[in-house]
Amino acid sequence: FVVLDLKRVNELDSTGARMLQQVQRRLARNDRRVLLSHAKDNRAVWNVLDDMGVVAALGAHARFPDSDAALEWAEDELIQRSPTGPRLSEEVPLDALIALAGLSAPEHELVRRTLERRVFRRGDVVIKEGDTDRSLFMISKGTASVKFRLAGADRDKRVASFSAGAIFGEVALLDHEPRSATVSADEELVCYVLDDARFRALVREHPSIAITLLTNLGRELSRRLRKANAMISQLEG
């Protein structure tokens, strides 16, 4: 897949449109495709693409509101074509989840009785932006996407994806503020959930477990912050 980001394209003439058609035909001969992002942002550019037949040549599934949506679709297509199959069939065991690293066997068993196992279907909203729920989610199987509503636009933008073994929802658990984004299941999603009341009970009754859990959450937040800093540095460099 080749993703062409047209966000900053202000003008397109008939020659450019014909070049896009030629690129698409050459790629199609090798089972490759051109995907367009931000194609409708500029009405003049979109009209040329439509009038010159580029839109029809690329097909209805080749247009996306932004590059992240195009990349997500391409990733899903490649995963579906992979000989290893579209998803992992087995759940990550509870004692392998990063949030519970460093706990002893008895502590793992105690935490197991504290957590609630939840199963979500593809498309289910796990966390909704603005909600005051403070539960922590630990993914045992499947993937989930984090999205937020774009200001002034009637659509969402994906900002992150989480897979088996990852955690999410920890920020609201720690700062007691409303949810800052929406998280939805990309496929069947299995999570172990620690709600705020049970977390506070751990703090009171088993402080050593709570300290280990908080240490793991802090380490994960630090990793994400370092990754964000590196990305900002690359974009500004």
C-alpha atoms as a PDB file:
ATOM      1  CA  PHE A   1       0.000   0.000   0.000  1.00  0.00           C
ATOM      2  CA  VAL A   2       1.115   3.537  -0.821  1.00  0.00           C
ATOM      3  CA  VAL A   3      -0.537   6.266   1.241  1.00  0.00           C
ATOM      4  CA  LEU A   4      -0.617   9.719  -0.374  1.00  0.00           C
ATOM      5  CA  ASP A   5      -1.304  12.451   2.187  1.00  0.00           C
ATOM      6  CA  LEU A   6      -2.997  15.373   0.422  1.00  0.00           C
ATOM      7  CA  LYS A   7      -3.444  17.534   3.507  1.00  0.00           C
ATOM      8  CA  ARG A   8      -1.087  20.256   2.289  1.00  0.00           C
ATOM      9  CA  VAL A   9      -1.813  19.920  -1.435  1.00  0.00           C
ATOM     10  CA  ASN A  10      -3.435  23.172  -2.574  1.00  0.00           C
ATOM     11  CA  GLU A  11      -3.682  22.525  -6.291  1.00  0.00           C
ATOM     12  CA  LEU A  12      -3.880  19.565  -8.667  1.00  0.00           C
ATOM     13  CA  ASP A  13      -4.106  19.750 -12.466  1.00  0.00           C
ATOM     14  CA  SER A  14      -5.080  17.192 -15.072  1.00  0.00           C
ATOM     15  CA  THR A  15      -1.457  16.113 -15.575  1.00  0.00           C
ATOM     16  CA  GLY A  16      -1.071  15.299 -11.892  1.00  0.00           C
ATOM     17  CA  ALA A  17      -4.353  13.383 -11.929  1.00  0.00           C
ATOM     18  CA  ARG A  18      -3.230  11.290 -14.912  1.00  0.00           C
ATOM     19  CA  MET A  19       0.062  10.528 -13.125  1.00  0.00           C
ATOM     20  CA  LEU A  20      -1.896   9.210 -10.146  1.00  0.00           C
ATOM     21  CA  GLN A  21      -3.885   6.940 -12.447  1.00  0.00           C
ATOM     22  CA  GLN A  22      -0.670   5.639 -14.028  1.00  0.00           C
ATOM     23  CA  VAL A  23       0.856   4.956 -10.608  1.00  0.00           C
ATOM     24  CA  GLN A  24      -2.265   3.089  -9.560  1.00  0.00           C
ATOM     25  CA  ARG A  25      -2.271   0.922 -12.705  1.00  0.00           C
ATOM     26  CA  ARG A  26       1.403   0.021 -12.295  1.00  0.00           C
ATOM     27  CA  LEU A  27       0.968  -0.867  -8.627  1.00  0.00           C
ATOM     28  CA  ALA A  28      -2.202  -2.856  -9.284  1.00  0.00           C
ATOM     29  CA  ARG A  29      -0.299  -5.180 -11.611  1.00  0.00           C
ATOM     30  CA  ASN A  30       1.746  -6.255  -8.570  1.00  0.00           C
ATOM     31  CA  ASP A  31      -1.240  -6.475  -6.197  1.00  0.00           C
ATOM     32  CA  ARG A  32      -0.494  -3.093  -4.652  1.00  0.00           C
ATOM     33  CA  ARG A  33      -2.780  -0.134  -4.046  1.00  0.00           C
ATOM     34  CA  VAL A  34      -2.759   3.636  -3.651  1.00  0.00           C
ATOM     35  CA  LEU A  35      -4.633   5.068  -0.657  1.00  0.00           C
ATOM     36  CA  LEU A  36      -5.535   8.741  -0.332  1.00  0.00           C
ATOM     37  CA  SER A  37      -5.782  10.681   2.933  1.00  0.00           C
ATOM     38  CA  HIS A  38      -7.276  14.161   3.361  1.00  0.00           C
ATOM     39  CA  ALA A  39      -8.562  13.888  -0.200  1.00  0.00           C
ATOM     40  CA  LYS A  40     -11.683  15.931   0.535  1.00  0.00           C
ATOM     41  CA  ASP A  41     -10.008  18.640   2.607  1.00  0.00           C
ATOM     42  CA  ASN A  42      -9.552  20.832  -0.464  1.00  0.00           C
ATOM     43  CA  ARG A  43     -12.673  20.955  -2.631  1.00  0.00           C
ATOM     44  CA  ALA A  44     -10.758  22.059  -5.751  1.00  0.00           C
ATOM     45  CA  VAL A  45      -8.326  19.129  -5.464  1.00  0.00           C
ATOM     46  CA  TRP A  46     -11.175  16.697  -4.836  1.00  0.00           C
ATOM     47  CA  ASN A  47     -13.093  17.954  -7.895  1.00  0.00           C
ATOM     48  CA  VAL A  48     -10.080  17.296 -10.149  1.00  0.00           C
ATOM     49  CA  LEU A  49      -9.631  13.798  -8.673  1.00  0.00           C
ATOM     50  CA  ASP A  50     -13.309  13.070  -9.253  1.00  0.00           C
ATOM     51  CA  ASP A  51     -13.628  14.639 -12.702  1.00  0.00           C
ATOM     52  CA  MET A  52     -10.492  12.931 -14.040  1.00  0.00           C
ATOM     53  CA  GLY A  53     -11.632   9.497 -12.890  1.00  0.00           C
ATOM     54  CA  VAL A  54      -8.992   9.056 -10.187  1.00  0.00           C
ATOM     55  CA  VAL A  55     -11.612   8.515  -7.487  1.00  0.00           C
ATOM     56  CA  ALA A  56     -13.340   5.807  -9.493  1.00  0.00           C
ATOM     57  CA  ALA A  57     -10.031   4.154 -10.444  1.00  0.00           C
ATOM     58  CA  LEU A  58      -8.835   3.912  -6.857  1.00  0.00           C
ATOM     59  CA  GLY A  59     -12.140   2.610  -5.542  1.00  0.00           C
ATOM     60  CA  ALA A  60     -14.386   3.483  -2.620  1.00  0.00           C
ATOM     61  CA  HIS A  61     -12.092   1.860  -0.036  1.00  0.00           C
ATOM     62  CA  ALA A  62      -9.096   4.021  -0.967  1.00  0.00           C
ATOM     63  CA  ARG A  63     -10.227   7.319   0.607  1.00  0.00           C
ATOM     64  CA  PHE A  64      -9.631   8.195   4.249  1.00  0.00           C
ATOM     65  CA  PRO A  65     -10.124  11.320   6.378  1.00  0.00           C
ATOM     66  CA  ASP A  66      -6.497  11.246   7.595  1.00  0.00           C
ATOM     67  CA  SER A  67      -3.292   9.241   7.196  1.00  0.00           C
ATOM     68  CA  ASP A  68      -3.692   7.402  10.481  1.00  0.00           C
ATOM     69  CA  ALA A  69      -7.021   5.968   9.323  1.00  0.00           C
ATOM     70  CA  ALA A  70      -5.393   4.896   6.050  1.00  0.00           C
ATOM     71  CA  LEU A  71      -2.479   3.256   7.887  1.00  0.00           C
ATOM     72  CA  GLU A  72      -4.864   1.489  10.262  1.00  0.00           C
ATOM     73  CA  TRP A  73      -6.836   0.055   7.346  1.00  0.00           C
ATOM     74  CA  ALA A  74      -3.648  -1.035   5.574  1.00  0.00           C
ATOM     75  CA  GLU A  75      -2.313  -2.660   8.743  1.00  0.00           C
ATOM     76  CA  ASP A  76      -5.556  -4.588   9.203  1.00  0.00           C
ATOM     77  CA  GLU A  77      -5.426  -5.777   5.598  1.00  0.00           C
ATOM     78  CA  LEU A  78      -1.837  -7.001   5.981  1.00  0.00           C
ATOM     79  CA  ILE A  79      -2.664  -8.779   9.242  1.00  0.00           C
ATOM     80  CA  GLN A  80      -5.627 -10.525   7.617  1.00  0.00           C
ATOM     81  CA  ARG A  81      -3.373 -11.724   4.796  1.00  0.00           C
ATOM     82  CA  SER A  82      -0.675 -12.955   7.166  1.00  0.00           C
ATOM     83  CA  PRO A  83      -0.224 -16.754   7.280  1.00  0.00           C
ATOM     84  CA  THR A  84      -0.169 -16.559  11.074  1.00  0.00           C
ATOM     85  CA  GLY A  85      -3.825 -15.543  11.082  1.00  0.00           C
ATOM     86  CA  PRO A  86      -5.720 -12.384  11.944  1.00  0.00           C
ATOM     87  CA  ARG A  87      -5.280 -12.537  15.737  1.00  0.00           C
ATOM     88  CA  LEU A  88      -3.787 -14.430  18.634  1.00  0.00           C
ATOM     89  CA  SER A  89      -6.171 -17.164  19.733  1.00  0.00           C
ATOM     90  CA  GLU A  90      -4.954 -17.547  23.301  1.00  0.00           C
ATOM     91  CA  GLU A  91      -5.198 -15.129  26.198  1.00  0.00           C
ATOM     92  CA  VAL A  92      -2.130 -13.720  27.907  1.00  0.00           C
ATOM     93  CA  PRO A  93      -2.062 -15.263  31.398  1.00  0.00           C
ATOM     94  CA  LEU A  94      -2.711 -12.938  34.287  1.00  0.00           C
ATOM     95  CA  ASP A  95       0.764 -13.353  35.770  1.00  0.00           C
ATOM     96  CA  ALA A  96       2.312 -12.187  32.467  1.00  0.00           C
ATOM     97  CA  LEU A  97       0.561  -8.800  32.421  1.00  0.00           C
ATOM     98  CA  ILE A  98       2.974  -5.879  32.828  1.00  0.00           C
ATOM     99  CA  ALA A  99       0.827  -4.169  35.463  1.00  0.00           C
ATOM    100  CA  LEU A 100       1.311  -7.139  37.798  1.00  0.00           C
ATOM    101  CA  ALA A 101       5.016  -7.714  37.228  1.00  0.00           C
ATOM    102  CA  GLY A 102       7.008  -8.386  40.392  1.00  0.00           C
ATOM    103  CA  LEU A 103       4.169  -9.885  42.433  1.00  0.00           C
ATOM    104  CA  SER A 104       4.663 -13.194  44.219  1.00  0.00           C
ATOM    105  CA  ALA A 105       2.439 -16.191  43.520  1.00  0.00           C
ATOM    106  CA  PRO A 106       0.259 -15.561  46.621  1.00  0.00           C
ATOM    107  CA  GLU A 107      -0.035 -11.891  45.683  1.00  0.00           C
ATOM    108  CA  HIS A 108      -1.049 -12.813  42.140  1.00  0.00           C
ATOM    109  CA  GLU A 109      -3.767 -15.049  43.519  1.00  0.00           C
ATOM    110  CA  LEU A 110      -5.032 -12.294  45.788  1.00  0.00           C
ATOM    111  CA  VAL A 111      -5.132  -9.813  42.916  1.00  0.00           C
ATOM    112  CA  ARG A 112      -6.855 -12.387  40.694  1.00  0.00           C
ATOM    113  CA  ARG A 113      -9.774 -12.467  43.142  1.00  0.00           C
ATOM    114  CA  THR A 114      -9.889  -8.659  43.056  1.00  0.00           C
ATOM    115  CA  LEU A 115     -10.049  -8.261  39.274  1.00  0.00           C
ATOM    116  CA  GLU A 116     -13.133  -8.584  37.089  1.00  0.00           C
ATOM    117  CA  ARG A 117     -12.813 -10.327  33.718  1.00  0.00           C
ATOM    118  CA  ARG A 118     -14.765  -8.574  30.952  1.00  0.00           C
ATOM    119  CA  VAL A 119     -15.232  -9.507  27.300  1.00  0.00           C
ATOM    120  CA  PHE A 120     -16.009  -6.882  24.658  1.00  0.00           C
ATOM    121  CA  ARG A 121     -17.126  -7.398  21.076  1.00  0.00           C
ATOM    122  CA  ARG A 122     -15.629  -5.649  18.053  1.00  0.00           C
ATOM    123  CA  GLY A 123     -16.730  -2.009  18.075  1.00  0.00           C
ATOM    124  CA  ASP A 124     -17.771  -1.943  21.719  1.00  0.00           C
ATOM    125  CA  VAL A 125     -16.874   1.256  23.590  1.00  0.00           C
ATOM    126  CA  VAL A 126     -14.767   0.300  26.602  1.00  0.00           C
ATOM    127  CA  ILE A 127     -14.098   3.841  27.839  1.00  0.00           C
ATOM    128  CA  LYS A 128     -15.948   6.961  26.704  1.00  0.00           C
ATOM    129  CA  GLU A 129     -14.354  10.389  26.626  1.00  0.00           C
ATOM    130  CA  GLY A 130     -15.673  12.544  29.467  1.00  0.00           C
ATOM    131  CA  ASP A 131     -16.850   9.668  31.681  1.00  0.00           C
ATOM    132  CA  THR A 132     -15.908   9.724  35.361  1.00  0.00           C
ATOM    133  CA  ASP A 133     -15.279   5.975  35.690  1.00  0.00           C
ATOM    134  CA  ARG A 134     -11.752   5.322  37.027  1.00  0.00           C
ATOM    135  CA  SER A 135     -11.236   1.633  36.285  1.00  0.00           C
ATOM    136  CA  LEU A 136      -7.875   0.277  35.139  1.00  0.00           C
ATOM    137  CA  PHE A 137      -7.942  -2.150  32.201  1.00  0.00           C
ATOM    138  CA  MET A 138      -5.374  -4.880  31.515  1.00  0.00           C
ATOM    139  CA  ILE A 139      -5.665  -6.515  28.089  1.00  0.00           C
ATOM    140  CA  SER A 140      -5.443 -10.299  28.046  1.00  0.00           C
ATOM    141  CA  LYS A 141      -6.559 -10.786  24.438  1.00  0.00           C
ATOM    142  CA  GLY A 142      -7.286  -8.622  21.405  1.00  0.00           C
ATOM    143  CA  THR A 143      -6.560  -5.007  20.540  1.00  0.00           C
ATOM    144  CA  ALA A 144      -8.157  -1.649  21.347  1.00  0.00           C
ATOM    145  CA  SER A 145      -7.856   1.817  19.803  1.00  0.00           C
ATOM    146  CA  VAL A 146      -7.693   5.151  21.610  1.00  0.00           C
ATOM    147  CA  LYS A 147      -9.500   7.985  19.846  1.00  0.00           C
ATOM    148  CA  PHE A 148     -10.602  11.532  20.585  1.00  0.00           C
ATOM    149  CA  ARG A 149     -13.056  13.878  18.909  1.00  0.00           C
ATOM    150  CA  LEU A 150     -11.408  16.474  16.670  1.00  0.00           C
ATOM    151  CA  ALA A 151     -12.420  20.037  17.482  1.00  0.00           C
ATOM    152  CA  GLY A 152     -14.598  21.467  14.724  1.00  0.00           C
ATOM    153  CA  ALA A 153     -14.855  18.135  12.886  1.00  0.00           C
ATOM    154  CA  ASP A 154     -17.510  15.461  13.021  1.00  0.00           C
ATOM    155  CA  ARG A 155     -15.066  12.574  13.337  1.00  0.00           C
ATOM    156  CA  ASP A 156     -12.610  10.926  15.673  1.00  0.00           C
ATOM    157  CA  LYS A 157      -8.850  10.514  15.339  1.00  0.00           C
ATOM    158  CA  ARG A 158      -6.941   7.483  16.557  1.00  0.00           C
ATOM    159  CA  VAL A 159      -3.961   8.381  18.730  1.00  0.00           C
ATOM    160  CA  ALA A 160      -2.834   4.961  19.954  1.00  0.00           C
ATOM    161  CA  SER A 161      -3.542   1.249  19.848  1.00  0.00           C
ATOM    162  CA  PHE A 162      -3.075  -1.303  22.611  1.00  0.00           C
ATOM    163  CA  SER A 163      -2.600  -5.049  22.252  1.00  0.00           C
ATOM    164  CA  ALA A 164      -2.516  -8.042  24.575  1.00  0.00           C
ATOM    165  CA  GLY A 165      -0.465  -7.420  27.713  1.00  0.00           C
ATOM    166  CA  ALA A 166      -0.941  -3.637  27.655  1.00  0.00           C
ATOM    167  CA  ILE A 167      -2.799  -1.477  30.150  1.00  0.00           C
ATOM    168  CA  PHE A 168      -5.031   1.556  29.701  1.00  0.00           C
ATOM    169  CA  GLY A 169      -7.219   3.761  31.851  1.00  0.00           C
ATOM    170  CA  GLU A 170      -4.485   4.322  34.417  1.00  0.00           C
ATOM    171  CA  VAL A 171      -4.470   8.123  34.110  1.00  0.00           C
ATOM    172  CA  ALA A 172      -8.023   8.549  35.432  1.00  0.00           C
ATOM    173  CA  LEU A 173      -7.284   6.043  38.182  1.00  0.00           C
ATOM    174  CA  LEU A 174      -4.379   8.190  39.333  1.00  0.00           C
ATOM    175  CA  ASP A 175      -5.616  11.762  38.859  1.00  0.00           C
ATOM    176  CA  HIS A 176      -9.387  11.260  39.349  1.00  0.00           C
ATOM    177  CA  GLU A 177     -10.152  13.429  36.316  1.00  0.00           C
ATOM    178  CA  PRO A 178     -12.716  12.558  33.578  1.00  0.00           C
ATOM    179  CA  ARG A 179     -11.623  10.276  30.764  1.00  0.00           C
ATOM    180  CA  SER A 180      -9.577  12.179  28.196  1.00  0.00           C
ATOM    181  CA  ALA A 181     -10.264   9.857  25.232  1.00  0.00           C
ATOM    182  CA  THR A 182     -12.498   7.060  23.986  1.00  0.00           C
ATOM    183  CA  VAL A 183     -11.231   3.475  23.834  1.00  0.00           C
ATOM    184  CA  SER A 184     -13.020   0.909  21.678  1.00  0.00           C
ATOM    185  CA  ALA A 185     -12.431  -2.750  20.866  1.00  0.00           C
ATOM    186  CA  ASP A 186     -10.923  -3.481  17.440  1.00  0.00           C
ATOM    187  CA  GLU A 187     -11.856  -7.161  17.757  1.00  0.00           C
ATOM    188  CA  GLU A 188     -12.928  -9.475  20.532  1.00  0.00           C
ATOM    189  CA  LEU A 189     -11.262  -7.945  23.574  1.00  0.00           C
ATOM    190  CA  VAL A 190     -10.686  -9.626  26.929  1.00  0.00           C
ATOM    191  CA  CYS A 191      -9.676  -7.396  29.839  1.00  0.00           C
ATOM    192  CA  TYR A 192      -9.066  -7.766  33.542  1.00  0.00           C
ATOM    193  CA  VAL A 193     -10.521  -4.707  35.245  1.00  0.00           C
ATOM    194  CA  LEU A 194      -9.559  -3.103  38.544  1.00  0.00           C
ATOM    195  CA  ASP A 195     -12.101  -0.493  39.585  1.00  0.00           C
ATOM    196  CA  ASP A 196     -11.376   2.486  41.822  1.00  0.00           C
ATOM    197  CA  ALA A 197     -13.042   1.040  44.943  1.00  0.00           C
ATOM    198  CA  ARG A 198     -11.041  -2.204  44.766  1.00  0.00           C
ATOM    199  CA  PHE A 199      -7.844  -0.308  44.081  1.00  0.00           C
ATOM    200  CA  ARG A 200      -8.392   1.811  47.208  1.00  0.00           C
ATOM    201  CA  ALA A 201      -9.066  -1.395  49.148  1.00  0.00           C
ATOM    202  CA  LEU A 202      -5.688  -2.733  47.990  1.00  0.00           C
ATOM    203  CA  VAL A 203      -4.031   0.475  49.173  1.00  0.00           C
ATOM    204  CA  ARG A 204      -5.598   0.088  52.623  1.00  0.00           C
ATOM    205  CA  GLU A 205      -5.320  -3.661  53.122  1.00  0.00           C
ATOM    206  CA  HIS A 206      -2.322  -4.696  50.992  1.00  0.00           C
ATOM    207  CA  PRO A 207      -0.060  -1.657  50.594  1.00  0.00           C
ATOM    208  CA  SER A 208       2.892  -3.678  49.272  1.00  0.00           C
ATOM    209  CA  ILE A 209       0.770  -4.921  46.349  1.00  0.00           C
ATOM    210  CA  ALA A 210      -0.512  -1.398  45.706  1.00  0.00           C
ATOM    211  CA  ILE A 211       3.057  -0.031  45.694  1.00  0.00           C
ATOM    212  CA  THR A 212       4.135  -2.663  43.146  1.00  0.00           C
ATOM    213  CA  LEU A 213       1.128  -1.885  40.980  1.00  0.00           C
ATOM    214  CA  LEU A 214       1.776   1.868  41.145  1.00  0.00           C
ATOM    215  CA  THR A 215       5.453   1.314  40.318  1.00  0.00           C
ATOM    216  CA  ASN A 216       4.487  -0.656  37.217  1.00  0.00           C
ATOM    217  CA  LEU A 217       1.978   2.011  36.180  1.00  0.00           C
ATOM    218  CA  GLY A 218       4.603   4.714  36.668  1.00  0.00           C
ATOM    219  CA  ARG A 219       7.095   2.776  34.569  1.00  0.00           C
ATOM    220  CA  GLU A 220       4.547   2.407  31.768  1.00  0.00           C
ATOM    221  CA  LEU A 221       3.644   6.105  31.870  1.00  0.00           C
ATOM    222  CA  SER A 222       7.334   6.979  31.751  1.00  0.00           C
ATOM    223  CA  ARG A 223       7.839   4.745  28.704  1.00  0.00           C
ATOM    224  CA  ARG A 224       4.962   6.437  26.885  1.00  0.00           C
ATOM    225  CA  LEU A 225       6.257   9.898  27.794  1.00  0.00           C
ATOM    226  CA  ARG A 226       9.726   9.071  26.485  1.00  0.00           C
ATOM    227  CA  LYS A 227       8.199   7.768  23.265  1.00  0.00           C
ATOM    228  CA  ALA A 228       6.145  10.957  22.875  1.00  0.00           C
ATOM    229  CA  ASN A 229       9.213  13.115  23.526  1.00  0.00           C
ATOM    230  CA  ALA A 230      11.196  11.215  20.907  1.00  0.00           C
ATOM    231  CA  MET A 231       8.421  11.672  18.368  1.00  0.00           C
ATOM    232  CA  ILE A 232       8.164  15.397  19.080  1.00  0.00           C
ATOM    233  CA  SER A 233      11.931  15.710  18.724  1.00  0.00           C
ATOM    234  CA  GLN A 234      11.845  13.956  15.347  1.00  0.00           C
ATOM    235  CA  LEU A 235       9.007  16.128  14.093  1.00  0.00           C
ATOM    236  CA  GLU A 236      10.758  19.319  15.187  1.00  0.00           C
ATOM    237  CA  GLY A 237      14.201  18.229  13.962  1.00  0.00           C
END
